[in-house]
Amino acid sequence: TIGQFFGRKRKIVVHFGKPISYAELLHSVDGMGHQGANLYKEQAKYVM
């Protein structure tokens, strides 16, 4: 809730991971035959 957030009653953790280069993103689905929107969706799965 807004009250919990501003009242600092909850522990919120932000984790920054290692940057994913576009080359790594391409390699994540390399050889799977995806194109266009399907390629982007598969790459988004890797990001998630």
All heavy atoms as atom14 arrays in JSON, in Angstrom:
{
  "sequence": "TIGQFFGRKRKIVVHFGKPISYAELLHSVDGMGHQGANLYKEQAKYVM",
  "atom14_mask": [
    [1, 1, 1, 1, 1, 1, 1, 0, 0, 0, 0, 0, 0, 0],
    [1, 1, 1, 1, 1, 1, 1, 1, 0, 0, 0, 0, 0, 0],
    [1, 1, 1, 1, 0, 0, 0, 0, 0, 0, 0, 0, 0, 0],
    [1, 1, 1, 1, 1, 1, 1, 1, 1, 0, 0, 0, 0, 0],
    [1, 1, 1, 1, 1, 1, 1, 1, 1, 1, 1, 0, 0, 0],
    [1, 1, 1, 1, 1, 1, 1, 1, 1, 1, 1, 0, 0, 0],
    [1, 1, 1, 1, 0, 0, 0, 0, 0, 0, 0, 0, 0, 0],
    [1, 1, 1, 1, 1, 1, 1, 1, 1, 1, 1, 0, 0, 0],
    [1, 1, 1, 1, 1, 1, 1, 1, 1, 0, 0, 0, 0, 0],
    [1, 1, 1, 1, 1, 1, 1, 1, 1, 1, 1, 0, 0, 0],
    [1, 1, 1, 1, 1, 1, 1, 1, 1, 0, 0, 0, 0, 0],
    [1, 1, 1, 1, 1, 1, 1, 1, 0, 0, 0, 0, 0, 0],
    [1, 1, 1, 1, 1, 1, 1, 0, 0, 0, 0, 0, 0, 0],
    [1, 1, 1, 1, 1, 1, 1, 0, 0, 0, 0, 0, 0, 0],
    [1, 1, 1, 1, 1, 1, 1, 1, 1, 1, 0, 0, 0, 0],
    [1, 1, 1, 1, 1, 1, 1, 1, 1, 1, 1, 0, 0, 0],
    [1, 1, 1, 1, 0, 0, 0, 0, 0, 0, 0, 0, 0, 0],
    [1, 1, 1, 1, 1, 1, 1, 1, 1, 0, 0, 0, 0, 0],
    [1, 1, 1, 1, 1, 1, 1, 0, 0, 0, 0, 0, 0, 0],
    [1, 1, 1, 1, 1, 1, 1, 1, 0, 0, 0, 0, 0, 0],
    [1, 1, 1, 1, 1, 1, 0, 0, 0, 0, 0, 0, 0, 0],
    [1, 1, 1, 1, 1, 1, 1, 1, 1, 1, 1, 1, 0, 0],
    [1, 1, 1, 1, 1, 0, 0, 0, 0, 0, 0, 0, 0, 0],
    [1, 1, 1, 1, 1, 1, 1, 1, 1, 0, 0, 0, 0, 0],
    [1, 1, 1, 1, 1, 1, 1, 1, 0, 0, 0, 0, 0, 0],
    [1, 1, 1, 1, 1, 1, 1, 1, 0, 0, 0, 0, 0, 0],
    [1, 1, 1, 1, 1, 1, 1, 1, 1, 1, 0, 0, 0, 0],
    [1, 1, 1, 1, 1, 1, 0, 0, 0, 0, 0, 0, 0, 0],
    [1, 1, 1, 1, 1, 1, 1, 0, 0, 0, 0, 0, 0, 0],
    [1, 1, 1, 1, 1, 1, 1, 1, 0, 0, 0, 0, 0, 0],
    [1, 1, 1, 1, 0, 0, 0, 0, 0, 0, 0, 0, 0, 0],
    [1, 1, 1, 1, 1, 1, 1, 1, 0, 0, 0, 0, 0, 0],
    [1, 1, 1, 1, 0, 0, 0, 0, 0, 0, 0, 0, 0, 0],
    [1, 1, 1, 1, 1, 1, 1, 1, 1, 1, 0, 0, 0, 0],
    [1, 1, 1, 1, 1, 1, 1, 1, 1, 0, 0, 0, 0, 0],
    [1, 1, 1, 1, 0, 0, 0, 0, 0, 0, 0, 0, 0, 0],
    [1, 1, 1, 1, 1, 0, 0, 0, 0, 0, 0, 0, 0, 0],
    [1, 1, 1, 1, 1, 1, 1, 1, 0, 0, 0, 0, 0, 0],
    [1, 1, 1, 1, 1, 1, 1, 1, 0, 0, 0, 0, 0, 0],
    [1, 1, 1, 1, 1, 1, 1, 1, 1, 1, 1, 1, 0, 0],
    [1, 1, 1, 1, 1, 1, 1, 1, 1, 0, 0, 0, 0, 0],
    [1, 1, 1, 1, 1, 1, 1, 1, 1, 0, 0, 0, 0, 0],
    [1, 1, 1, 1, 1, 1, 1, 1, 1, 0, 0, 0, 0, 0],
    [1, 1, 1, 1, 1, 0, 0, 0, 0, 0, 0, 0, 0, 0],
    [1, 1, 1, 1, 1, 1, 1, 1, 1, 0, 0, 0, 0, 0],
    [1, 1, 1, 1, 1, 1, 1, 1, 1, 1, 1, 1, 0, 0],
    [1, 1, 1, 1, 1, 1, 1, 0, 0, 0, 0, 0, 0, 0],
    [1, 1, 1, 1, 1, 1, 1, 1, 0, 0, 0, 0, 0, 0]
  ],
  "atom14_positions": [
    [[0.84, -1.19, 0.0], [0.0, 0.0, 0.0], [0.88, 1.25, 0.0], [2.07, 1.19, 0.34], [-0.92, 0.05, 1.23], [-0.1, 0.19, 2.4], [-1.77, -1.21, 1.34], [0.0, 0.0, 0.0], [0.0, 0.0, 0.0], [0.0, 0.0, 0.0], [0.0, 0.0, 0.0], [0.0, 0.0, 0.0], [0.0, 0.0, 0.0], [0.0, 0.0, 0.0]],
    [[0.29, 2.36, -0.35], [1.03, 3.63, -0.33], [1.52, 3.91, 1.09], [2.65, 4.36, 1.29], [0.13, 4.79, -0.83], [-0.24, 4.59, -2.3], [0.79, 6.15, -0.63], [0.91, 4.69, -3.26], [0.0, 0.0, 0.0], [0.0, 0.0, 0.0], [0.0, 0.0, 0.0], [0.0, 0.0, 0.0], [0.0, 0.0, 0.0], [0.0, 0.0, 0.0]],
    [[0.68, 3.63, 2.08], [1.07, 3.86, 3.47], [2.26, 3.01, 3.89], [3.15, 3.48, 4.58], [0.0, 0.0, 0.0], [0.0, 0.0, 0.0], [0.0, 0.0, 0.0], [0.0, 0.0, 0.0], [0.0, 0.0, 0.0], [0.0, 0.0, 0.0], [0.0, 0.0, 0.0], [0.0, 0.0, 0.0], [0.0, 0.0, 0.0], [0.0, 0.0, 0.0]],
    [[2.25, 1.74, 3.46], [3.38, 0.87, 3.77], [4.66, 1.36, 3.09], [5.73, 1.34, 3.67], [3.1, -0.57, 3.33], [2.06, -1.27, 4.15], [1.66, -2.61, 3.54], [1.69, -2.79, 2.33], [1.3, -3.54, 4.4], [0.0, 0.0, 0.0], [0.0, 0.0, 0.0], [0.0, 0.0, 0.0], [0.0, 0.0, 0.0], [0.0, 0.0, 0.0]],
    [[4.51, 1.81, 1.84], [5.68, 2.27, 1.09], [6.28, 3.51, 1.73], [7.46, 3.54, 2.06], [5.29, 2.55, -0.37], [6.44, 3.03, -1.21], [7.37, 2.13, -1.71], [6.59, 4.38, -1.48], [8.43, 2.57, -2.47], [7.65, 4.83, -2.25], [8.58, 3.92, -2.75], [0.0, 0.0, 0.0], [0.0, 0.0, 0.0], [0.0, 0.0, 0.0]],
    [[5.47, 4.55, 1.91], [6.0, 5.79, 2.45], [6.29, 5.69, 3.94], [7.11, 6.45, 4.46], [5.05, 6.96, 2.14], [5.13, 7.4, 0.71], [4.06, 7.18, -0.14], [6.27, 8.0, 0.21], [4.13, 7.57, -1.47], [6.36, 8.38, -1.11], [5.28, 8.17, -1.96], [0.0, 0.0, 0.0], [0.0, 0.0, 0.0], [0.0, 0.0, 0.0]],
    [[5.62, 4.77, 4.64], [5.91, 4.56, 6.05], [7.09, 3.63, 6.28], [7.44, 3.33, 7.42], [0.0, 0.0, 0.0], [0.0, 0.0, 0.0], [0.0, 0.0, 0.0], [0.0, 0.0, 0.0], [0.0, 0.0, 0.0], [0.0, 0.0, 0.0], [0.0, 0.0, 0.0], [0.0, 0.0, 0.0], [0.0, 0.0, 0.0], [0.0, 0.0, 0.0]],
    [[7.67, 3.16, 5.17], [8.84, 2.27, 5.22], [8.56, 1.02, 6.05], [9.38, 0.56, 6.83], [10.07, 3.01, 5.72], [10.45, 4.15, 4.81], [11.66, 4.86, 5.29], [11.9, 6.02, 4.45], [13.06, 6.57, 4.28], [14.1, 6.09, 4.9], [13.2, 7.61, 3.5], [0.0, 0.0, 0.0], [0.0, 0.0, 0.0], [0.0, 0.0, 0.0]],
    [[7.37, 0.47, 5.88], [6.98, -0.72, 6.63], [7.25, -2.01, 5.86], [7.0, -3.09, 6.36], [5.5, -0.64, 6.98], [5.13, 0.62, 7.73], [4.18, 0.37, 8.82], [3.75, 1.65, 9.48], [4.47, 1.97, 10.65], [0.0, 0.0, 0.0], [0.0, 0.0, 0.0], [0.0, 0.0, 0.0], [0.0, 0.0, 0.0], [0.0, 0.0, 0.0]],
    [[7.73, -1.91, 4.64], [8.05, -3.08, 3.81], [9.49, -2.98, 3.35], [10.0, -1.89, 3.09], [7.16, -3.13, 2.57], [5.67, -3.26, 2.8], [5.22, -4.68, 3.08], [5.41, -5.61, 2.0], [4.48, -6.01, 1.15], [3.27, -5.52, 1.23], [4.76, -6.89, 0.23], [0.0, 0.0, 0.0], [0.0, 0.0, 0.0], [0.0, 0.0, 0.0]],
    [[10.12, -4.13, 3.22], [11.48, -4.18, 2.69], [11.37, -4.38, 1.18], [10.83, -5.39, 0.72], [12.27, -5.32, 3.32], [13.69, -5.41, 2.79], [14.45, -6.55, 3.45], [15.84, -6.64, 2.86], [16.6, -7.74, 3.46], [0.0, 0.0, 0.0], [0.0, 0.0, 0.0], [0.0, 0.0, 0.0], [0.0, 0.0, 0.0], [0.0, 0.0, 0.0]],
    [[11.86, -3.43, 0.43], [11.85, -3.5, -1.03], [13.29, -3.64, -1.48], [14.17, -2.87, -1.06], [11.19, -2.25, -1.65], [9.73, -2.19, -1.21], [11.33, -2.26, -3.17], [9.02, -0.93, -1.58], [0.0, 0.0, 0.0], [0.0, 0.0, 0.0], [0.0, 0.0, 0.0], [0.0, 0.0, 0.0], [0.0, 0.0, 0.0], [0.0, 0.0, 0.0]],
    [[13.54, -4.65, -2.33], [14.9, -4.93, -2.8], [14.96, -4.75, -4.31], [14.12, -5.28, -5.04], [15.32, -6.37, -2.43], [16.71, -6.69, -2.97], [15.27, -6.58, -0.93], [0.0, 0.0, 0.0], [0.0, 0.0, 0.0], [0.0, 0.0, 0.0], [0.0, 0.0, 0.0], [0.0, 0.0, 0.0], [0.0, 0.0, 0.0], [0.0, 0.0, 0.0]],
    [[15.94, -3.98, -4.76], [16.18, -3.78, -6.19], [17.52, -4.43, -6.51], [18.53, -4.12, -5.88], [16.22, -2.28, -6.55], [16.48, -2.09, -8.04], [14.93, -1.59, -6.14], [0.0, 0.0, 0.0], [0.0, 0.0, 0.0], [0.0, 0.0, 0.0], [0.0, 0.0, 0.0], [0.0, 0.0, 0.0], [0.0, 0.0, 0.0], [0.0, 0.0, 0.0]],
    [[17.5, -5.36, -7.48], [18.72, -6.07, -7.87], [19.05, -5.75, -9.32], [18.21, -5.93, -10.2], [18.54, -7.58, -7.71], [19.74, -8.36, -8.12], [19.89, -8.86, -9.38], [20.85, -8.71, -7.43], [21.05, -9.5, -9.46], [21.65, -9.41, -8.3], [0.0, 0.0, 0.0], [0.0, 0.0, 0.0], [0.0, 0.0, 0.0], [0.0, 0.0, 0.0]],
    [[20.25, -5.24, -9.56], [20.72, -4.94, -10.9], [21.6, -6.08, -11.37], [22.62, -6.37, -10.75], [21.51, -3.62, -10.93], [20.66, -2.42, -10.63], [20.44, -2.02, -9.33], [20.08, -1.7, -11.66], [19.65, -0.92, -9.04], [19.29, -0.6, -11.39], [19.07, -0.2, -10.08], [0.0, 0.0, 0.0], [0.0, 0.0, 0.0], [0.0, 0.0, 0.0]],
    [[21.2, -6.74, -12.45], [21.97, -7.85, -12.99], [23.04, -7.39, -13.96], [23.17, -6.2, -14.26], [0.0, 0.0, 0.0], [0.0, 0.0, 0.0], [0.0, 0.0, 0.0], [0.0, 0.0, 0.0], [0.0, 0.0, 0.0], [0.0, 0.0, 0.0], [0.0, 0.0, 0.0], [0.0, 0.0, 0.0], [0.0, 0.0, 0.0], [0.0, 0.0, 0.0]],
    [[23.79, -8.36, -14.46], [24.83, -8.09, -15.44], [24.18, -7.65, -16.75], [23.22, -8.27, -17.21], [25.64, -9.37, -15.66], [26.73, -9.27, -16.68], [27.45, -10.62, -16.82], [28.27, -10.62, -18.08], [27.67, -11.4, -19.16], [0.0, 0.0, 0.0], [0.0, 0.0, 0.0], [0.0, 0.0, 0.0], [0.0, 0.0, 0.0], [0.0, 0.0, 0.0]],
    [[24.67, -6.57, -17.37], [24.08, -6.12, -18.63], [24.11, -7.22, -19.69], [25.06, -7.99, -19.79], [24.96, -4.93, -19.04], [25.54, -4.43, -17.75], [25.73, -5.67, -16.91], [0.0, 0.0, 0.0], [0.0, 0.0, 0.0], [0.0, 0.0, 0.0], [0.0, 0.0, 0.0], [0.0, 0.0, 0.0], [0.0, 0.0, 0.0], [0.0, 0.0, 0.0]],
    [[23.06, -7.27, -20.48], [22.94, -8.22, -21.58], [23.21, -7.45, -22.87], [22.44, -6.57, -23.24], [21.52, -8.82, -21.64], [21.15, -9.49, -20.32], [21.39, -9.79, -22.81], [19.66, -9.82, -20.21], [0.0, 0.0, 0.0], [0.0, 0.0, 0.0], [0.0, 0.0, 0.0], [0.0, 0.0, 0.0], [0.0, 0.0, 0.0], [0.0, 0.0, 0.0]],
    [[24.32, -7.77, -23.53], [24.62, -7.1, -24.8], [23.65, -7.61, -25.86], [23.05, -8.68, -25.71], [26.06, -7.4, -25.24], [26.18, -8.77, -25.58], [0.0, 0.0, 0.0], [0.0, 0.0, 0.0], [0.0, 0.0, 0.0], [0.0, 0.0, 0.0], [0.0, 0.0, 0.0], [0.0, 0.0, 0.0], [0.0, 0.0, 0.0], [0.0, 0.0, 0.0]],
    [[23.52, -6.85, -26.94], [22.63, -7.32, -27.99], [23.19, -8.6, -28.61], [22.42, -9.49, -28.98], [22.37, -6.26, -29.07], [21.33, -6.77, -30.04], [20.02, -6.97, -29.6], [21.65, -7.12, -31.33], [19.06, -7.5, -30.44], [20.69, -7.64, -32.18], [19.41, -7.83, -31.73], [18.46, -8.37, -32.57], [0.0, 0.0, 0.0], [0.0, 0.0, 0.0]],
    [[24.52, -8.75, -28.68], [25.12, -9.98, -29.19], [24.72, -11.18, -28.33], [24.39, -12.25, -28.84], [26.64, -9.85, -29.25], [0.0, 0.0, 0.0], [0.0, 0.0, 0.0], [0.0, 0.0, 0.0], [0.0, 0.0, 0.0], [0.0, 0.0, 0.0], [0.0, 0.0, 0.0], [0.0, 0.0, 0.0], [0.0, 0.0, 0.0], [0.0, 0.0, 0.0]],
    [[24.72, -11.0, -27.01], [24.29, -12.08, -26.1], [22.82, -12.4, -26.31], [22.41, -13.57, -26.31], [24.54, -11.67, -24.65], [24.11, -12.71, -23.63], [24.29, -12.28, -22.18], [24.95, -11.25, -21.92], [23.76, -12.98, -21.3], [0.0, 0.0, 0.0], [0.0, 0.0, 0.0], [0.0, 0.0, 0.0], [0.0, 0.0, 0.0], [0.0, 0.0, 0.0]],
    [[22.02, -11.37, -26.51], [20.59, -11.57, -26.74], [20.35, -12.37, -28.02], [19.55, -13.29, -28.05], [19.9, -10.21, -26.81], [18.4, -10.17, -26.61], [17.99, -10.74, -25.26], [17.89, -8.75, -26.74], [0.0, 0.0, 0.0], [0.0, 0.0, 0.0], [0.0, 0.0, 0.0], [0.0, 0.0, 0.0], [0.0, 0.0, 0.0], [0.0, 0.0, 0.0]],
    [[21.1, -12.03, -29.08], [21.0, -12.78, -30.33], [21.42, -14.23, -30.12], [20.77, -15.15, -30.61], [21.88, -12.16, -31.4], [21.31, -11.0, -32.18], [22.34, -10.43, -33.13], [20.07, -11.41, -32.94], [0.0, 0.0, 0.0], [0.0, 0.0, 0.0], [0.0, 0.0, 0.0], [0.0, 0.0, 0.0], [0.0, 0.0, 0.0], [0.0, 0.0, 0.0]],
    [[22.5, -14.43, -29.39], [23.02, -15.78, -29.15], [22.05, -16.61, -28.32], [22.01, -17.84, -28.43], [24.38, -15.69, -28.46], [25.02, -17.01, -28.24], [25.45, -17.82, -29.26], [25.27, -17.69, -27.09], [25.95, -18.94, -28.76], [25.85, -18.88, -27.45], [0.0, 0.0, 0.0], [0.0, 0.0, 0.0], [0.0, 0.0, 0.0], [0.0, 0.0, 0.0]],
    [[21.21, -15.96, -27.5], [20.29, -16.69, -26.63], [19.27, -17.5, -27.41], [18.72, -18.47, -26.9], [19.57, -15.73, -25.67], [18.61, -14.94, -26.35], [0.0, 0.0, 0.0], [0.0, 0.0, 0.0], [0.0, 0.0, 0.0], [0.0, 0.0, 0.0], [0.0, 0.0, 0.0], [0.0, 0.0, 0.0], [0.0, 0.0, 0.0], [0.0, 0.0, 0.0]],
    [[19.0, -17.13, -28.64], [18.05, -17.86, -29.48], [18.68, -18.3, -30.79], [17.99, -18.7, -31.72], [16.77, -17.02, -29.77], [16.01, -16.75, -28.5], [17.11, -15.74, -30.49], [0.0, 0.0, 0.0], [0.0, 0.0, 0.0], [0.0, 0.0, 0.0], [0.0, 0.0, 0.0], [0.0, 0.0, 0.0], [0.0, 0.0, 0.0], [0.0, 0.0, 0.0]],
    [[20.0, -18.24, -30.86], [20.74, -18.59, -32.08], [20.4, -20.01, -32.54], [20.36, -20.94, -31.74], [22.24, -18.47, -31.82], [23.06, -18.49, -33.09], [22.53, -18.12, -34.15], [24.24, -18.89, -33.02], [0.0, 0.0, 0.0], [0.0, 0.0, 0.0], [0.0, 0.0, 0.0], [0.0, 0.0, 0.0], [0.0, 0.0, 0.0], [0.0, 0.0, 0.0]],
    [[20.13, -20.16, -33.82], [19.89, -21.48, -34.4], [18.48, -22.01, -34.18], [18.19, -23.14, -34.54], [0.0, 0.0, 0.0], [0.0, 0.0, 0.0], [0.0, 0.0, 0.0], [0.0, 0.0, 0.0], [0.0, 0.0, 0.0], [0.0, 0.0, 0.0], [0.0, 0.0, 0.0], [0.0, 0.0, 0.0], [0.0, 0.0, 0.0], [0.0, 0.0, 0.0]],
    [[17.59, -21.22, -33.6], [16.24, -21.7, -33.35], [15.28, -21.37, -34.49], [14.13, -21.77, -34.47], [15.71, -21.15, -32.02], [16.54, -21.58, -30.82], [15.95, -20.86, -29.29], [14.95, -22.2, -28.67], [0.0, 0.0, 0.0], [0.0, 0.0, 0.0], [0.0, 0.0, 0.0], [0.0, 0.0, 0.0], [0.0, 0.0, 0.0], [0.0, 0.0, 0.0]],
    [[15.75, -20.63, -35.5], [14.93, -20.32, -36.66], [13.83, -19.3, -36.45], [12.91, -19.21, -37.24], [0.0, 0.0, 0.0], [0.0, 0.0, 0.0], [0.0, 0.0, 0.0], [0.0, 0.0, 0.0], [0.0, 0.0, 0.0], [0.0, 0.0, 0.0], [0.0, 0.0, 0.0], [0.0, 0.0, 0.0], [0.0, 0.0, 0.0], [0.0, 0.0, 0.0]],
    [[13.92, -18.5, -35.39], [12.9, -17.48, -35.12], [13.16, -16.25, -35.97], [14.3, -15.9, -36.24], [12.89, -17.1, -33.65], [12.56, -18.22, -32.73], [11.3, -18.78, -32.67], [13.31, -18.91, -31.85], [11.3, -19.75, -31.78], [12.51, -19.85, -31.27], [0.0, 0.0, 0.0], [0.0, 0.0, 0.0], [0.0, 0.0, 0.0], [0.0, 0.0, 0.0]],
    [[12.08, -15.58, -36.36], [12.18, -14.34, -37.14], [11.15, -13.35, -36.64], [10.13, -13.72, -36.07], [11.95, -14.61, -38.62], [12.97, -15.51, -39.25], [12.65, -15.76, -40.72], [11.6, -15.38, -41.22], [13.56, -16.41, -41.42], [0.0, 0.0, 0.0], [0.0, 0.0, 0.0], [0.0, 0.0, 0.0], [0.0, 0.0, 0.0], [0.0, 0.0, 0.0]],
    [[11.41, -12.08, -36.9], [10.45, -11.02, -36.62], [9.96, -11.01, -35.19], [10.73, -11.1, -34.25], [0.0, 0.0, 0.0], [0.0, 0.0, 0.0], [0.0, 0.0, 0.0], [0.0, 0.0, 0.0], [0.0, 0.0, 0.0], [0.0, 0.0, 0.0], [0.0, 0.0, 0.0], [0.0, 0.0, 0.0], [0.0, 0.0, 0.0], [0.0, 0.0, 0.0]],
    [[8.64, -10.9, -35.03], [8.03, -10.8, -33.71], [8.33, -12.03, -32.85], [8.52, -11.91, -31.64], [6.52, -10.6, -33.83], [0.0, 0.0, 0.0], [0.0, 0.0, 0.0], [0.0, 0.0, 0.0], [0.0, 0.0, 0.0], [0.0, 0.0, 0.0], [0.0, 0.0, 0.0], [0.0, 0.0, 0.0], [0.0, 0.0, 0.0], [0.0, 0.0, 0.0]],
    [[8.39, -13.21, -33.47], [8.72, -14.42, -32.7], [10.13, -14.36, -32.14], [10.37, -14.82, -31.02], [8.55, -15.67, -33.56], [7.1, -16.0, -33.81], [6.23, -15.67, -33.0], [6.82, -16.64, -34.92], [0.0, 0.0, 0.0], [0.0, 0.0, 0.0], [0.0, 0.0, 0.0], [0.0, 0.0, 0.0], [0.0, 0.0, 0.0], [0.0, 0.0, 0.0]],
    [[11.06, -13.79, -32.9], [12.43, -13.64, -32.42], [12.45, -12.74, -31.19], [13.05, -13.06, -30.17], [13.32, -13.05, -33.52], [14.74, -12.67, -33.1], [15.54, -13.92, -32.73], [15.43, -11.91, -34.21], [0.0, 0.0, 0.0], [0.0, 0.0, 0.0], [0.0, 0.0, 0.0], [0.0, 0.0, 0.0], [0.0, 0.0, 0.0], [0.0, 0.0, 0.0]],
    [[11.75, -11.61, -31.28], [11.72, -10.68, -30.14], [11.08, -11.31, -28.91], [11.54, -11.11, -27.79], [10.97, -9.4, -30.52], [11.62, -8.61, -31.64], [10.85, -8.02, -32.62], [13.0, -8.45, -31.71], [11.43, -7.28, -33.65], [13.6, -7.73, -32.73], [12.81, -7.15, -33.7], [13.39, -6.42, -34.71], [0.0, 0.0, 0.0], [0.0, 0.0, 0.0]],
    [[10.03, -12.09, -29.11], [9.38, -12.76, -27.96], [10.32, -13.76, -27.3], [10.37, -13.86, -26.07], [8.09, -13.44, -28.41], [6.95, -12.49, -28.66], [5.69, -13.23, -28.95], [4.76, -12.94, -27.8], [3.46, -13.55, -27.93], [0.0, 0.0, 0.0], [0.0, 0.0, 0.0], [0.0, 0.0, 0.0], [0.0, 0.0, 0.0], [0.0, 0.0, 0.0]],
    [[11.06, -14.51, -28.11], [12.01, -15.48, -27.55], [13.13, -14.77, -26.81], [13.58, -15.21, -25.75], [12.57, -16.39, -28.65], [11.56, -17.37, -29.18], [10.97, -18.29, -28.11], [11.73, -18.84, -27.3], [9.73, -18.44, -28.09], [0.0, 0.0, 0.0], [0.0, 0.0, 0.0], [0.0, 0.0, 0.0], [0.0, 0.0, 0.0], [0.0, 0.0, 0.0]],
    [[13.6, -13.65, -27.36], [14.63, -12.88, -26.68], [14.1, -12.28, -25.38], [14.81, -12.22, -24.37], [15.16, -11.78, -27.61], [15.95, -12.34, -28.76], [16.29, -11.3, -29.81], [15.58, -10.32, -29.98], [17.38, -11.53, -30.52], [0.0, 0.0, 0.0], [0.0, 0.0, 0.0], [0.0, 0.0, 0.0], [0.0, 0.0, 0.0], [0.0, 0.0, 0.0]],
    [[12.84, -11.87, -25.38], [12.22, -11.34, -24.15], [12.16, -12.42, -23.07], [12.32, -12.12, -21.89], [10.84, -10.78, -24.45], [0.0, 0.0, 0.0], [0.0, 0.0, 0.0], [0.0, 0.0, 0.0], [0.0, 0.0, 0.0], [0.0, 0.0, 0.0], [0.0, 0.0, 0.0], [0.0, 0.0, 0.0], [0.0, 0.0, 0.0], [0.0, 0.0, 0.0]],
    [[11.96, -13.67, -23.47], [11.97, -14.77, -22.49], [13.33, -14.86, -21.81], [13.42, -15.11, -20.6], [11.64, -16.1, -23.18], [10.2, -16.28, -23.53], [9.97, -17.63, -24.19], [8.55, -17.78, -24.68], [8.32, -19.06, -25.36], [0.0, 0.0, 0.0], [0.0, 0.0, 0.0], [0.0, 0.0, 0.0], [0.0, 0.0, 0.0], [0.0, 0.0, 0.0]],
    [[14.38, -14.67, -22.59], [15.74, -14.69, -22.03], [15.93, -13.55, -21.03], [16.47, -13.75, -19.95], [16.76, -14.61, -23.17], [18.19, -14.68, -22.72], [18.75, -15.88, -22.32], [18.98, -13.54, -22.7], [20.07, -15.96, -21.9], [20.31, -13.6, -22.29], [20.85, -14.81, -21.89], [22.16, -14.89, -21.48], [0.0, 0.0, 0.0], [0.0, 0.0, 0.0]],
    [[15.45, -12.37, -21.39], [15.55, -11.21, -20.48], [14.78, -11.5, -19.19], [15.29, -11.26, -18.09], [15.01, -9.93, -21.17], [14.93, -8.78, -20.17], [15.88, -9.54, -22.36], [0.0, 0.0, 0.0], [0.0, 0.0, 0.0], [0.0, 0.0, 0.0], [0.0, 0.0, 0.0], [0.0, 0.0, 0.0], [0.0, 0.0, 0.0], [0.0, 0.0, 0.0]],
    [[13.59, -12.06, -19.3], [12.79, -12.38, -18.11], [13.49, -13.43, -17.25], [13.42, -13.39, -16.02], [11.39, -12.84, -18.5], [10.55, -11.77, -19.18], [10.44, -10.2, -18.28], [9.53, -10.74, -16.83], [0.0, 0.0, 0.0], [0.0, 0.0, 0.0], [0.0, 0.0, 0.0], [0.0, 0.0, 0.0], [0.0, 0.0, 0.0], [0.0, 0.0, 0.0]]
  ]
}
